Every structure is written in C-alpha cells, then in structure tokens.
Amino acid sequence: MTNAPQLILASASPRRLALLQQIGLEPDHLLPADIDETPKKHETPRSLALRLARAKAEAVRQMADASEAMQDSVVLAADTVVAVGRRALPKAELTDQALMCLSLLSGRGHRVFTGVAVAEANGKVRSKLVETRVRFKRLTRKDMDDYISSGEWRGKAGGYAIQGLAGSFVVKLVGSYPAVVGLPLVETANLLSSAGYPVHQGWATAAA
C-alpha cells in the first residue's frame, strides 16, 4: 500500500487474520502480544476484554517503536471474553475446563465481549467494546464428550469455536457474529479508518 502506514496484527489467531483478509486487509506483520491475561479482582468480563485489547495494542506498539522498520505503523489488537453472568469463562486448555464451560453454556444464554484496539504511531490508542448475546441448545453428555474429543475447543474463550463444530450448538445470536469469532469487522474498519489507515484501498482489485 503506497504511502499507507504498515498494519501490524497483534495476534497469532488464524481466525482474526482470516477475518481481516475477508474485508481486504493483509497485515504487514503478525506480532502476537505476550501479556498477562489474568483477570483483576472484581473485574467484570466487559472491562477485562477491553483492558486486554488495549494492553495488547500498547505492548506491540512498544515493540514497533523499537524497530526502525515498523515505527510508521498501526497496531491492531483484540481480545474475546465469554461470560455467564459476571463470570468470565477461561480460554480452555484442559478437558476439565472445556467440560465445565460447556456444562455452564448448555441450554442458556451467554454474552461474548470482544474488545478491539488500535494503537497509532503517535501513541494514541483507540478502542471499542462489542457485546454479542449467544444461546446454546441444551447439550447432552454425548454432545459434550464428542465435542471435547474433537479438540476444537482448545485455547478458545469459553471452550468453543462458533465458526467450527460448535456452530451446531447455537440456537440464537444477537449482535456481531465476527466478534464472537474474534474480530468485530465494522468496529475494526472504523477504528483503522480513524487512525488514518486506508481500509478500502485494495477493494478496487479485490474481485479481479
């Protein structure tokens, strides 16, 4: 992109990369942020998602500023938190965690909070929080055991991936589907545009 700032995606998530590519954006660099994601005492899931998104953007902004090749860049970061009431569910790594998440989500509604943040070269950080409501069908023990055996849940907020097999559990969704996957596209495009990044620059040849 001539005369455009470089775009850095502060994530190793292939889902976030695919969502960016869906709207015609190809990051110049993938720099996952290495931060402590432990919730603070009494922190709400809403606050947690926004704080972590901003912290990721700021951490990678510091890395970019230390590199002469990346100083003129825009950093994009996001974080997704699945919540039942005021309880933030973990990014499941163990089968016991996944089973606990699925048991809590079975037959009821939950909220998915996705924070997205953009850090500019001048240090300014813009951010937005997106809330989506999701309801699962009532899951049988076989549903849960079969899903756990798939391994798809590993590392996913709330122990499931809506864009995968767990899509068959979703009865209702109100809000942003891509935000549940990991990156709200409307808000991401707006934040990047506000930061001076030419979001539509590649669209003219996208269908060629």
Protein backbone atom coordinates (compact mmCIF):
# COMPACT_ATOMS: atom_id res chain seq x y z
CA MET A 1 0.00 0.00 0.00
CA THR A 2 1.81 3.08 -1.24
CA ASN A 3 2.16 5.85 1.34
CA ALA A 4 -0.01 3.89 3.77
CA PRO A 5 1.20 3.03 7.26
CA GLN A 6 2.08 -0.59 7.84
CA LEU A 7 -0.54 -2.72 9.55
CA ILE A 8 0.52 -4.92 12.46
CA LEU A 9 -1.86 -7.57 13.78
CA ALA A 10 -1.04 -8.18 17.44
CA SER A 11 -2.35 -11.73 17.36
CA ALA A 12 -1.36 -15.23 16.32
CA SER A 13 -5.01 -16.18 15.76
CA PRO A 14 -5.62 -17.56 12.26
CA ARG A 15 -9.30 -16.64 12.72
CA ARG A 16 -8.53 -12.95 13.25
CA LEU A 17 -6.21 -12.97 10.26
CA ALA A 18 -8.89 -14.60 8.09
CA LEU A 19 -11.47 -12.03 9.20
CA LEU A 20 -9.14 -9.17 8.27
CA GLN A 21 -8.47 -10.77 4.90
CA GLN A 22 -12.25 -11.09 4.39
CA ILE A 23 -12.51 -7.28 4.28
CA GLY A 24 -9.49 -6.92 2.02
CA LEU A 25 -6.80 -6.23 4.62
CA GLU A 26 -3.46 -8.03 4.70
CA PRO A 27 -1.28 -7.23 7.73
CA ASP A 28 2.35 -6.40 7.01
CA HIS A 29 3.41 -8.07 10.25
CA LEU A 30 1.98 -10.58 12.73
CA LEU A 31 3.30 -9.80 16.20
CA PRO A 32 1.43 -11.65 18.96
CA ALA A 33 1.33 -9.73 22.21
CA ASP A 34 2.77 -11.52 25.24
CA ILE A 35 0.87 -10.14 28.23
CA ASP A 36 -0.57 -11.44 31.48
CA GLU A 37 -4.26 -12.11 30.80
CA THR A 38 -5.19 -12.85 34.42
CA PRO A 39 -8.39 -11.03 35.41
CA LYS A 40 -8.06 -8.47 38.18
CA LYS A 41 -10.00 -8.91 41.41
CA HIS A 42 -13.68 -7.99 40.90
CA GLU A 43 -13.02 -7.16 37.23
CA THR A 44 -16.09 -7.60 35.03
CA PRO A 45 -15.86 -9.61 31.78
CA ARG A 46 -16.68 -6.40 29.89
CA SER A 47 -13.81 -4.49 31.49
CA LEU A 48 -11.45 -7.44 31.08
CA ALA A 49 -11.97 -7.73 27.32
CA LEU A 50 -11.39 -4.02 26.73
CA ARG A 51 -8.38 -3.81 29.07
CA LEU A 52 -6.65 -6.79 27.45
CA ALA A 53 -7.25 -5.50 23.93
CA ARG A 54 -5.72 -2.16 24.85
CA ALA A 55 -2.83 -3.79 26.72
CA LYS A 56 -2.02 -5.99 23.71
CA ALA A 57 -2.07 -2.98 21.38
CA GLU A 58 0.17 -0.98 23.71
CA ALA A 59 2.65 -3.84 24.19
CA VAL A 60 3.08 -4.37 20.46
CA ARG A 61 3.19 -0.60 19.89
CA GLN A 62 6.29 -0.53 22.11
CA MET A 63 7.83 -3.36 20.06
CA ALA A 64 7.09 -1.49 16.83
CA ASP A 65 8.53 1.76 18.16
CA ALA A 66 11.78 -0.06 18.95
CA SER A 67 12.07 -1.19 15.31
CA GLU A 68 13.00 1.42 12.74
CA ALA A 69 11.21 -0.58 10.04
CA MET A 70 7.90 -0.63 11.95
CA GLN A 71 7.77 2.80 13.58
CA ASP A 72 5.36 4.08 10.94
CA SER A 73 2.66 1.52 11.61
CA VAL A 74 -0.80 0.97 13.00
CA VAL A 75 -1.22 -1.82 15.55
CA LEU A 76 -4.47 -3.77 15.74
CA ALA A 77 -5.27 -5.95 18.75
CA ALA A 78 -8.33 -7.73 20.10
CA ASP A 79 -9.45 -9.91 22.97
CA THR A 80 -12.56 -12.02 23.41
CA VAL A 81 -14.16 -12.97 26.73
CA VAL A 82 -17.11 -15.36 27.10
CA ALA A 83 -19.22 -14.66 30.17
CA VAL A 84 -22.04 -16.32 32.05
CA GLY A 85 -23.45 -13.58 34.26
CA ARG A 86 -20.49 -11.79 35.80
CA ARG A 87 -18.28 -14.84 35.46
CA ALA A 88 -15.62 -14.81 32.76
CA LEU A 89 -15.01 -18.30 31.41
CA PRO A 90 -11.43 -19.40 30.75
CA LYS A 91 -9.70 -19.94 27.45
CA ALA A 92 -9.94 -23.69 27.89
CA GLU A 93 -6.70 -25.66 27.75
CA LEU A 94 -7.70 -28.78 29.73
CA THR A 95 -10.59 -31.16 29.12
CA ASP A 96 -11.98 -30.47 32.59
CA GLN A 97 -12.12 -26.75 31.77
CA ALA A 98 -13.85 -27.44 28.46
CA LEU A 99 -16.44 -29.67 30.11
CA MET A 100 -17.09 -27.06 32.79
CA CYS A 101 -17.60 -24.37 30.13
CA LEU A 102 -19.94 -26.49 28.02
CA SER A 103 -21.95 -27.51 31.07
CA LEU A 104 -22.42 -23.85 32.03
CA LEU A 105 -23.35 -22.82 28.49
CA SER A 106 -25.76 -25.70 27.87
CA GLY A 107 -29.35 -24.60 27.34
CA ARG A 108 -28.80 -21.00 28.31
CA GLY A 109 -27.75 -17.62 27.02
CA HIS A 110 -24.32 -16.09 27.49
CA ARG A 111 -22.52 -12.96 26.42
CA VAL A 112 -19.39 -12.60 24.35
CA PHE A 113 -17.40 -9.42 24.86
CA THR A 114 -14.78 -8.56 22.26
CA GLY A 115 -12.52 -5.60 22.75
CA VAL A 116 -10.65 -4.20 19.78
CA ALA A 117 -7.90 -1.58 20.00
CA VAL A 118 -5.79 0.34 17.51
CA ALA A 119 -2.52 1.99 18.53
CA GLU A 120 -1.15 4.70 16.25
CA ALA A 121 2.46 5.72 15.73
CA ASN A 122 1.86 8.85 17.84
CA GLY A 123 0.90 6.68 20.81
CA LYS A 124 -2.84 7.33 20.63
CA VAL A 125 -4.92 4.21 21.36
CA ARG A 126 -8.50 3.98 20.12
CA SER A 127 -10.70 1.15 21.35
CA LYS A 128 -14.20 -0.26 21.16
CA LEU A 129 -16.09 -2.98 23.02
CA VAL A 130 -18.64 -5.15 21.23
CA GLU A 131 -21.20 -7.27 23.10
CA THR A 132 -22.94 -10.22 21.46
CA ARG A 133 -25.56 -12.48 23.02
CA VAL A 134 -25.46 -16.18 22.18
CA ARG A 135 -27.74 -19.02 23.26
CA PHE A 136 -26.79 -22.70 23.13
CA LYS A 137 -29.21 -25.59 22.80
CA ARG A 138 -29.37 -27.99 25.74
CA LEU A 139 -26.33 -30.20 25.32
CA THR A 140 -26.42 -33.91 26.08
CA ARG A 141 -23.41 -35.53 27.70
CA LYS A 142 -22.71 -37.14 24.32
CA ASP A 143 -22.73 -33.71 22.65
CA MET A 144 -20.16 -32.50 25.14
CA ASP A 145 -17.99 -35.63 25.05
CA ASP A 146 -17.97 -35.69 21.25
CA TYR A 147 -17.08 -32.01 21.07
CA ILE A 148 -14.30 -32.41 23.61
CA SER A 149 -12.90 -35.35 21.63
CA SER A 150 -12.65 -33.06 18.58
CA GLY A 151 -10.07 -30.86 20.30
CA GLU A 152 -11.54 -27.79 18.60
CA TRP A 153 -12.17 -26.07 21.96
CA ARG A 154 -8.51 -25.93 22.97
CA GLY A 155 -7.36 -22.36 23.59
CA LYS A 156 -10.79 -20.93 22.78
CA ALA A 157 -12.59 -18.45 25.02
CA GLY A 158 -15.44 -20.26 26.75
CA GLY A 159 -14.23 -23.60 25.41
CA TYR A 160 -15.82 -23.40 21.96
CA ALA A 161 -15.33 -22.11 18.42
CA ILE A 162 -18.55 -20.79 16.90
CA GLN A 163 -17.11 -20.89 13.37
CA GLY A 164 -16.45 -24.62 13.72
CA LEU A 165 -18.29 -27.66 15.00
CA ALA A 166 -19.81 -25.73 17.90
CA GLY A 167 -21.84 -23.74 15.41
CA SER A 168 -24.28 -26.66 15.60
CA PHE A 169 -24.95 -25.77 19.26
CA VAL A 170 -26.03 -22.18 18.61
CA VAL A 171 -29.79 -21.60 18.76
CA LYS A 172 -29.68 -17.81 18.64
CA LEU A 173 -27.19 -14.99 18.18
CA VAL A 174 -27.90 -11.29 18.66
CA GLY A 175 -25.08 -8.95 17.70
CA SER A 176 -21.86 -9.43 15.76
CA TYR A 177 -21.00 -12.94 14.55
CA PRO A 178 -17.41 -12.00 13.58
CA ALA A 179 -16.93 -10.54 17.07
CA VAL A 180 -17.67 -13.97 18.53
CA VAL A 181 -15.16 -15.49 16.12
CA GLY A 182 -12.64 -12.93 17.38
CA LEU A 183 -12.78 -9.63 15.50
CA PRO A 184 -15.78 -7.30 15.01
CA LEU A 185 -15.40 -6.12 11.42
CA VAL A 186 -17.46 -2.91 11.41
CA GLU A 187 -15.75 -1.59 14.52
CA THR A 188 -12.30 -2.72 13.36
CA ALA A 189 -12.68 -0.96 10.00
CA ASN A 190 -13.94 2.21 11.71
CA LEU A 191 -11.06 2.29 14.20
CA LEU A 192 -8.46 1.74 11.46
CA SER A 193 -10.02 4.47 9.30
CA SER A 194 -9.99 6.88 12.24
CA ALA A 195 -6.29 6.09 12.70
CA GLY A 196 -5.60 7.07 9.10
CA TYR A 197 -5.33 3.57 7.65
CA PRO A 198 -6.82 3.24 4.11
CA VAL A 199 -9.22 0.37 4.74
CA HIS A 200 -10.76 0.41 1.25
CA GLN A 201 -7.59 0.95 -0.75
CA GLY A 202 -7.37 -2.60 -2.05
CA TRP A 203 -11.07 -3.03 -2.84
CA ALA A 204 -10.91 -1.92 -6.47
CA THR A 205 -8.96 -5.02 -7.47
CA ALA A 206 -10.39 -7.41 -4.87
CA ALA A 207 -12.77 -9.10 -7.30
CA ALA A 208 -10.30 -9.24 -10.17
